[in-house]
């Protein structure tokens, strides 16, 4: 008679009790996915001048670079993105002399973004590459010119071409509920063979400016900052 009056839970036994909730730490980690985008700006320092302007040790130049990127994060650690950049560098000594050059670059290509799993602060690295459209301009304002840089003794001349470039970056970003703020060191490596033009194919100028970097790789490096938004 006493057993008949016991509470139902006790009659079913301990095994029938509802299971306790699992600790949050035991739950599987959810992979982060979603679209993102940001705008960026950087200061780049070329590690080589055109052959006609001497070595980088003689004078240091710098230039501005701006761009935008959009992509999709496929999991916690990786994302694919597309980039578009525009930059300009003037030299030597940032174009302050009487014999100067101006190099403008438009870059377009894909990239792979690698990230640490932090929710608020994470390390970020990027590798990528693509096509770069280079526009090279020269200005010669010297009073006495025995070795003209431009054909026919012109004061200004230009050339352009399409080359390949590679990009690598390393840095960190802060994620404030989707708002991304980051700082990194960026390095661009561009081929220069495309910067040739028939306007320079004459006896006086072909040796001087037809191949401004002697078809060698042009490295640029500098700090990069960006701000954007992520939907993950």
C-alpha atoms as a PDB file:
ATOM      1  CA  UNK A   1       0.000   0.000   0.000  1.00  0.00           C
ATOM      2  CA  UNK A   2       2.885   2.354   0.742  1.00  0.00           C
ATOM      3  CA  UNK A   3       4.353   1.866  -2.781  1.00  0.00           C
ATOM      4  CA  UNK A   4       1.056   2.749  -4.395  1.00  0.00           C
ATOM      5  CA  UNK A   5       1.128   6.173  -2.744  1.00  0.00           C
ATOM      6  CA  UNK A   6       4.699   7.099  -3.830  1.00  0.00           C
ATOM      7  CA  UNK A   7       5.164   9.905  -6.418  1.00  0.00           C
ATOM      8  CA  UNK A   8       5.067   8.732 -10.050  1.00  0.00           C
ATOM      9  CA  UNK A   9       8.722   9.643 -10.683  1.00  0.00           C
ATOM     10  CA  UNK A  10       9.895   7.422  -7.854  1.00  0.00           C
ATOM     11  CA  UNK A  11       7.765   4.546  -9.119  1.00  0.00           C
ATOM     12  CA  UNK A  12       9.449   4.723 -12.576  1.00  0.00           C
ATOM     13  CA  UNK A  13      12.919   4.659 -11.025  1.00  0.00           C
ATOM     14  CA  UNK A  14      15.975   6.865 -11.417  1.00  0.00           C
ATOM     15  CA  UNK A  15      16.516   5.761 -14.988  1.00  0.00           C
ATOM     16  CA  UNK A  16      13.306   7.468 -16.087  1.00  0.00           C
ATOM     17  CA  UNK A  17      14.406  10.947 -14.905  1.00  0.00           C
ATOM     18  CA  UNK A  18      14.827  13.531 -17.733  1.00  0.00           C
ATOM     19  CA  UNK A  19      18.457  13.912 -18.855  1.00  0.00           C
ATOM     20  CA  UNK A  20      20.427  16.863 -17.562  1.00  0.00           C
ATOM     21  CA  UNK A  21      21.381  19.551 -20.159  1.00  0.00           C
ATOM     22  CA  UNK A  22      24.876  19.213 -21.586  1.00  0.00           C
ATOM     23  CA  UNK A  23      27.492  21.759 -20.666  1.00  0.00           C
ATOM     24  CA  UNK A  24      27.944  24.426 -23.335  1.00  0.00           C
ATOM     25  CA  UNK A  25      31.607  23.549 -23.592  1.00  0.00           C
ATOM     26  CA  UNK A  26      30.683  20.033 -24.697  1.00  0.00           C
ATOM     27  CA  UNK A  27      28.561  21.293 -27.606  1.00  0.00           C
ATOM     28  CA  UNK A  28      30.171  21.042 -31.056  1.00  0.00           C
ATOM     29  CA  UNK A  29      31.716  24.279 -32.410  1.00  0.00           C
ATOM     30  CA  UNK A  30      29.570  25.842 -35.128  1.00  0.00           C
ATOM     31  CA  UNK A  31      31.494  26.743 -38.268  1.00  0.00           C
ATOM     32  CA  UNK A  32      31.182  30.409 -39.267  1.00  0.00           C
ATOM     33  CA  UNK A  33      30.009  31.179 -42.790  1.00  0.00           C
ATOM     34  CA  UNK A  34      28.794  34.237 -44.640  1.00  0.00           C
ATOM     35  CA  UNK A  35      29.532  37.125 -46.953  1.00  0.00           C
ATOM     36  CA  UNK A  36      31.813  40.022 -46.040  1.00  0.00           C
ATOM     37  CA  UNK A  37      33.341  43.105 -47.581  1.00  0.00           C
ATOM     38  CA  UNK A  38      35.612  46.004 -46.705  1.00  0.00           C
ATOM     39  CA  UNK A  39      37.375  49.058 -48.062  1.00  0.00           C
ATOM     40  CA  UNK A  40      41.061  49.577 -47.430  1.00  0.00           C
ATOM     41  CA  UNK A  41      43.934  52.010 -47.688  1.00  0.00           C
ATOM     42  CA  UNK A  42      47.678  51.499 -47.477  1.00  0.00           C
ATOM     43  CA  UNK A  43      51.038  53.170 -47.900  1.00  0.00           C
ATOM     44  CA  UNK A  44      53.407  51.242 -50.167  1.00  0.00           C
ATOM     45  CA  UNK A  45      57.165  51.603 -50.490  1.00  0.00           C
ATOM     46  CA  UNK A  46      58.665  50.347 -53.767  1.00  0.00           C
ATOM     47  CA  UNK A  47      61.880  48.408 -53.265  1.00  0.00           C
ATOM     48  CA  UNK A  48      63.188  49.269 -56.723  1.00  0.00           C
ATOM     49  CA  UNK A  49      63.270  52.331 -58.975  1.00  0.00           C
ATOM     50  CA  UNK A  50      63.268  52.127 -62.787  1.00  0.00           C
ATOM     51  CA  UNK A  51      66.780  51.419 -64.042  1.00  0.00           C
ATOM     52  CA  UNK A  52      67.269  54.977 -65.243  1.00  0.00           C
ATOM     53  CA  UNK A  53      66.691  56.388 -61.747  1.00  0.00           C
ATOM     54  CA  UNK A  54      69.307  54.452 -59.810  1.00  0.00           C
ATOM     55  CA  UNK A  55      69.046  52.184 -56.802  1.00  0.00           C
ATOM     56  CA  UNK A  56      66.548  52.383 -53.970  1.00  0.00           C
ATOM     57  CA  UNK A  57      69.428  53.142 -51.589  1.00  0.00           C
ATOM     58  CA  UNK A  58      69.801  56.562 -53.218  1.00  0.00           C
ATOM     59  CA  UNK A  59      66.282  57.754 -52.278  1.00  0.00           C
ATOM     60  CA  UNK A  60      63.168  56.299 -50.704  1.00  0.00           C
ATOM     61  CA  UNK A  61      59.740  56.823 -52.239  1.00  0.00           C
ATOM     62  CA  UNK A  62      56.246  55.967 -51.123  1.00  0.00           C
ATOM     63  CA  UNK A  63      52.756  55.977 -52.564  1.00  0.00           C
ATOM     64  CA  UNK A  64      49.108  55.563 -51.622  1.00  0.00           C
ATOM     65  CA  UNK A  65      46.986  52.524 -52.408  1.00  0.00           C
ATOM     66  CA  UNK A  66      43.189  52.191 -51.996  1.00  0.00           C
ATOM     67  CA  UNK A  67      40.823  49.371 -52.785  1.00  0.00           C
ATOM     68  CA  UNK A  68      37.812  47.228 -51.966  1.00  0.00           C
ATOM     69  CA  UNK A  69      37.281  43.526 -51.339  1.00  0.00           C
ATOM     70  CA  UNK A  70      34.267  41.243 -51.191  1.00  0.00           C
ATOM     71  CA  UNK A  71      34.106  37.560 -50.421  1.00  0.00           C
ATOM     72  CA  UNK A  72      32.517  34.586 -48.714  1.00  0.00           C
ATOM     73  CA  UNK A  73      33.697  32.794 -45.589  1.00  0.00           C
ATOM     74  CA  UNK A  74      33.339  29.060 -46.215  1.00  0.00           C
ATOM     75  CA  UNK A  75      34.260  27.963 -42.681  1.00  0.00           C
ATOM     76  CA  UNK A  76      35.852  29.253 -39.486  1.00  0.00           C
ATOM     77  CA  UNK A  77      39.355  29.237 -40.930  1.00  0.00           C
ATOM     78  CA  UNK A  78      39.110  30.196 -44.619  1.00  0.00           C
ATOM     79  CA  UNK A  79      37.375  32.564 -47.015  1.00  0.00           C
ATOM     80  CA  UNK A  80      37.592  33.403 -50.698  1.00  0.00           C
ATOM     81  CA  UNK A  81      37.574  37.025 -51.817  1.00  0.00           C
ATOM     82  CA  UNK A  82      37.928  39.226 -54.852  1.00  0.00           C
ATOM     83  CA  UNK A  83      40.020  42.390 -54.766  1.00  0.00           C
ATOM     84  CA  UNK A  84      40.313  45.604 -56.726  1.00  0.00           C
ATOM     85  CA  UNK A  85      43.106  48.065 -55.899  1.00  0.00           C
ATOM     86  CA  UNK A  86      44.432  51.309 -57.297  1.00  0.00           C
ATOM     87  CA  UNK A  87      47.793  52.746 -56.291  1.00  0.00           C
ATOM     88  CA  UNK A  88      50.245  55.416 -57.347  1.00  0.00           C
ATOM     89  CA  UNK A  89      53.936  55.819 -56.565  1.00  0.00           C
ATOM     90  CA  UNK A  90      56.141  58.766 -57.559  1.00  0.00           C
ATOM     91  CA  UNK A  91      59.902  58.798 -57.414  1.00  0.00           C
ATOM     92  CA  UNK A  92      62.674  59.236 -56.759  1.00  0.00           C
ATOM     93  CA  UNK A  93      62.190  61.061 -53.434  1.00  0.00           C
ATOM     94  CA  UNK A  94      58.424  61.083 -54.029  1.00  0.00           C
ATOM     95  CA  UNK A  95      58.827  62.944 -57.309  1.00  0.00           C
ATOM     96  CA  UNK A  96      60.600  65.996 -55.896  1.00  0.00           C
ATOM     97  CA  UNK A  97      63.457  66.153 -58.421  1.00  0.00           C
ATOM     98  CA  UNK A  98      63.737  67.427 -61.976  1.00  0.00           C
ATOM     99  CA  UNK A  99      63.776  63.897 -63.426  1.00  0.00           C
ATOM    100  CA  UNK A 100      60.839  61.915 -62.056  1.00  0.00           C
ATOM    101  CA  UNK A 101      58.492  59.048 -62.776  1.00  0.00           C
ATOM    102  CA  UNK A 102      54.920  58.201 -61.782  1.00  0.00           C
ATOM    103  CA  UNK A 103      53.676  54.614 -61.660  1.00  0.00           C
ATOM    104  CA  UNK A 104      49.920  54.009 -61.428  1.00  0.00           C
ATOM    105  CA  UNK A 105      48.626  50.462 -60.946  1.00  0.00           C
ATOM    106  CA  UNK A 106      45.156  48.932 -61.213  1.00  0.00           C
ATOM    107  CA  UNK A 107      45.011  45.430 -59.708  1.00  0.00           C
ATOM    108  CA  UNK A 108      42.241  42.848 -60.014  1.00  0.00           C
ATOM    109  CA  UNK A 109      42.196  39.240 -58.863  1.00  0.00           C
ATOM    110  CA  UNK A 110      41.120  36.534 -56.384  1.00  0.00           C
ATOM    111  CA  UNK A 111      42.497  35.857 -52.923  1.00  0.00           C
ATOM    112  CA  UNK A 112      42.445  33.257 -50.155  1.00  0.00           C
ATOM    113  CA  UNK A 113      41.858  34.590 -46.633  1.00  0.00           C
ATOM    114  CA  UNK A 114      43.039  32.488 -43.665  1.00  0.00           C
ATOM    115  CA  UNK A 115      41.796  33.271 -40.127  1.00  0.00           C
ATOM    116  CA  UNK A 116      42.238  32.114 -36.568  1.00  0.00           C
ATOM    117  CA  UNK A 117      39.020  31.058 -34.751  1.00  0.00           C
ATOM    118  CA  UNK A 118      38.728  34.069 -32.409  1.00  0.00           C
ATOM    119  CA  UNK A 119      35.280  35.684 -32.114  1.00  0.00           C
ATOM    120  CA  UNK A 120      36.374  39.228 -31.276  1.00  0.00           C
ATOM    121  CA  UNK A 121      40.084  39.346 -32.133  1.00  0.00           C
ATOM    122  CA  UNK A 122      41.685  37.107 -34.739  1.00  0.00           C
ATOM    123  CA  UNK A 123      44.838  36.813 -36.807  1.00  0.00           C
ATOM    124  CA  UNK A 124      44.354  37.122 -40.566  1.00  0.00           C
ATOM    125  CA  UNK A 125      46.589  36.217 -43.495  1.00  0.00           C
ATOM    126  CA  UNK A 126      45.907  36.619 -47.206  1.00  0.00           C
ATOM    127  CA  UNK A 127      47.495  35.244 -50.357  1.00  0.00           C
ATOM    128  CA  UNK A 128      46.332  36.135 -53.841  1.00  0.00           C
ATOM    129  CA  UNK A 129      47.222  37.433 -57.251  1.00  0.00           C
ATOM    130  CA  UNK A 130      45.881  38.451 -60.629  1.00  0.00           C
ATOM    131  CA  UNK A 131      46.352  41.067 -63.325  1.00  0.00           C
ATOM    132  CA  UNK A 132      47.863  44.525 -62.908  1.00  0.00           C
ATOM    133  CA  UNK A 133      47.479  47.352 -65.425  1.00  0.00           C
ATOM    134  CA  UNK A 134      50.503  49.642 -65.117  1.00  0.00           C
ATOM    135  CA  UNK A 135      50.670  53.212 -66.419  1.00  0.00           C
ATOM    136  CA  UNK A 136      54.179  54.660 -66.275  1.00  0.00           C
ATOM    137  CA  UNK A 137      54.745  58.374 -66.811  1.00  0.00           C
ATOM    138  CA  UNK A 138      58.009  60.342 -66.973  1.00  0.00           C
ATOM    139  CA  UNK A 139      58.755  64.039 -66.531  1.00  0.00           C
ATOM    140  CA  UNK A 140      62.083  65.658 -67.376  1.00  0.00           C
ATOM    141  CA  UNK A 141      62.365  69.322 -66.388  1.00  0.00           C
ATOM    142  CA  UNK A 142      66.157  69.606 -66.428  1.00  0.00           C
ATOM    143  CA  UNK A 143      67.490  72.750 -68.111  1.00  0.00           C
ATOM    144  CA  UNK A 144      70.374  71.026 -69.886  1.00  0.00           C
ATOM    145  CA  UNK A 145      69.519  67.593 -71.265  1.00  0.00           C
ATOM    146  CA  UNK A 146      72.294  65.598 -72.904  1.00  0.00           C
ATOM    147  CA  UNK A 147      70.575  62.259 -72.369  1.00  0.00           C
ATOM    148  CA  UNK A 148      66.814  62.809 -72.879  1.00  0.00           C
ATOM    149  CA  UNK A 149      64.548  60.366 -71.133  1.00  0.00           C
ATOM    150  CA  UNK A 150      61.619  60.807 -73.524  1.00  0.00           C
ATOM    151  CA  UNK A 151      61.745  60.423 -77.316  1.00  0.00           C
ATOM    152  CA  UNK A 152      62.545  63.525 -79.390  1.00  0.00           C
ATOM    153  CA  UNK A 153      63.500  65.494 -76.280  1.00  0.00           C
ATOM    154  CA  UNK A 154      59.912  65.721 -74.997  1.00  0.00           C
ATOM    155  CA  UNK A 155      59.476  66.881 -71.405  1.00  0.00           C
ATOM    156  CA  UNK A 156      56.790  64.303 -70.648  1.00  0.00           C
ATOM    157  CA  UNK A 157      56.019  60.837 -71.975  1.00  0.00           C
ATOM    158  CA  UNK A 158      54.265  57.670 -70.821  1.00  0.00           C
ATOM    159  CA  UNK A 159      53.749  54.007 -71.466  1.00  0.00           C
ATOM    160  CA  UNK A 160      51.471  51.268 -70.152  1.00  0.00           C
ATOM    161  CA  UNK A 161      51.121  47.533 -70.017  1.00  0.00           C
ATOM    162  CA  UNK A 162      49.467  44.526 -68.368  1.00  0.00           C
ATOM    163  CA  UNK A 163      51.374  42.251 -65.988  1.00  0.00           C
ATOM    164  CA  UNK A 164      50.787  39.625 -63.320  1.00  0.00           C
ATOM    165  CA  UNK A 165      51.073  40.306 -59.605  1.00  0.00           C
ATOM    166  CA  UNK A 166      51.116  38.297 -56.379  1.00  0.00           C
ATOM    167  CA  UNK A 167      49.969  39.484 -52.952  1.00  0.00           C
ATOM    168  CA  UNK A 168      50.633  38.346 -49.407  1.00  0.00           C
ATOM    169  CA  UNK A 169      49.462  39.910 -46.142  1.00  0.00           C
ATOM    170  CA  UNK A 170      49.626  39.207 -42.414  1.00  0.00           C
ATOM    171  CA  UNK A 171      47.898  41.035 -39.577  1.00  0.00           C
ATOM    172  CA  UNK A 172      45.021  41.075 -37.112  1.00  0.00           C
ATOM    173  CA  UNK A 173      41.420  42.289 -37.052  1.00  0.00           C
ATOM    174  CA  UNK A 174      38.750  43.159 -34.486  1.00  0.00           C
ATOM    175  CA  UNK A 175      35.190  41.883 -35.023  1.00  0.00           C
ATOM    176  CA  UNK A 176      32.665  44.148 -33.245  1.00  0.00           C
ATOM    177  CA  UNK A 177      29.379  42.299 -33.854  1.00  0.00           C
ATOM    178  CA  UNK A 178      30.050  42.185 -37.583  1.00  0.00           C
ATOM    179  CA  UNK A 179      32.013  45.405 -37.986  1.00  0.00           C
ATOM    180  CA  UNK A 180      35.537  44.488 -39.098  1.00  0.00           C
ATOM    181  CA  UNK A 181      38.527  46.725 -38.338  1.00  0.00           C
ATOM    182  CA  UNK A 182      41.930  45.422 -39.344  1.00  0.00           C
ATOM    183  CA  UNK A 183      45.596  46.296 -39.660  1.00  0.00           C
ATOM    184  CA  UNK A 184      48.190  44.309 -41.584  1.00  0.00           C
ATOM    185  CA  UNK A 185      51.445  44.423 -43.490  1.00  0.00           C
ATOM    186  CA  UNK A 186      50.952  43.960 -47.230  1.00  0.00           C
ATOM    187  CA  UNK A 187      53.503  42.964 -49.866  1.00  0.00           C
ATOM    188  CA  UNK A 188      52.908  43.139 -53.630  1.00  0.00           C
ATOM    189  CA  UNK A 189      55.178  41.478 -56.195  1.00  0.00           C
ATOM    190  CA  UNK A 190      54.544  42.494 -59.792  1.00  0.00           C
ATOM    191  CA  UNK A 191      56.119  41.465 -63.052  1.00  0.00           C
ATOM    192  CA  UNK A 192      57.131  44.385 -65.300  1.00  0.00           C
ATOM    193  CA  UNK A 193      57.597  42.903 -68.757  1.00  0.00           C
ATOM    194  CA  UNK A 194      54.325  44.397 -69.973  1.00  0.00           C
ATOM    195  CA  UNK A 195      55.515  47.978 -69.447  1.00  0.00           C
ATOM    196  CA  UNK A 196      56.909  48.287 -72.976  1.00  0.00           C
ATOM    197  CA  UNK A 197      55.601  50.522 -75.731  1.00  0.00           C
ATOM    198  CA  UNK A 198      56.531  51.288 -79.329  1.00  0.00           C
ATOM    199  CA  UNK A 199      56.753  55.000 -78.566  1.00  0.00           C
ATOM    200  CA  UNK A 200      60.131  54.256 -76.975  1.00  0.00           C
ATOM    201  CA  UNK A 201      61.434  52.054 -79.787  1.00  0.00           C
ATOM    202  CA  UNK A 202      63.894  54.512 -81.272  1.00  0.00           C
ATOM    203  CA  UNK A 203      67.679  54.851 -81.109  1.00  0.00           C
ATOM    204  CA  UNK A 204      67.757  57.466 -78.325  1.00  0.00           C
ATOM    205  CA  UNK A 205      65.128  56.147 -75.938  1.00  0.00           C
ATOM    206  CA  UNK A 206      64.769  52.408 -76.393  1.00  0.00           C
ATOM    207  CA  UNK A 207      67.633  51.502 -74.064  1.00  0.00           C
ATOM    208  CA  UNK A 208      66.559  54.009 -71.429  1.00  0.00           C
ATOM    209  CA  UNK A 209      62.847  53.463 -70.932  1.00  0.00           C
ATOM    210  CA  UNK A 210      61.545  50.634 -73.115  1.00  0.00           C
ATOM    211  CA  UNK A 211      62.015  48.229 -70.210  1.00  0.00           C
ATOM    212  CA  UNK A 212      61.989  50.468 -67.105  1.00  0.00           C
ATOM    213  CA  UNK A 213      62.671  47.636 -64.638  1.00  0.00           C
ATOM    214  CA  UNK A 214      64.672  45.380 -66.967  1.00  0.00           C
ATOM    215  CA  UNK A 215      61.797  42.862 -66.809  1.00  0.00           C
ATOM    216  CA  UNK A 216      62.563  42.212 -63.136  1.00  0.00           C
ATOM    217  CA  UNK A 217      60.001  41.768 -60.359  1.00  0.00           C
ATOM    218  CA  UNK A 218      58.906  45.003 -58.677  1.00  0.00           C
ATOM    219  CA  UNK A 219      58.261  44.508 -54.922  1.00  0.00           C
ATOM    220  CA  UNK A 220      56.234  46.957 -52.828  1.00  0.00           C
ATOM    221  CA  UNK A 221      55.583  46.669 -49.103  1.00  0.00           C
ATOM    222  CA  UNK A 222      53.781  48.725 -46.463  1.00  0.00           C
ATOM    223  CA  UNK A 223      51.065  48.947 -43.775  1.00  0.00           C
ATOM    224  CA  UNK A 224      47.410  48.419 -44.709  1.00  0.00           C
ATOM    225  CA  UNK A 225      44.257  49.317 -42.758  1.00  0.00           C
ATOM    226  CA  UNK A 226      40.651  48.400 -43.552  1.00  0.00           C
ATOM    227  CA  UNK A 227      37.093  48.637 -42.270  1.00  0.00           C
ATOM    228  CA  UNK A 228      34.084  46.631 -43.379  1.00  0.00           C
ATOM    229  CA  UNK A 229      31.192  44.392 -42.375  1.00  0.00           C
ATOM    230  CA  UNK A 230      30.678  40.626 -42.141  1.00  0.00           C
ATOM    231  CA  UNK A 231      27.417  38.607 -42.264  1.00  0.00           C
ATOM    232  CA  UNK A 232      28.551  35.557 -40.286  1.00  0.00           C
END
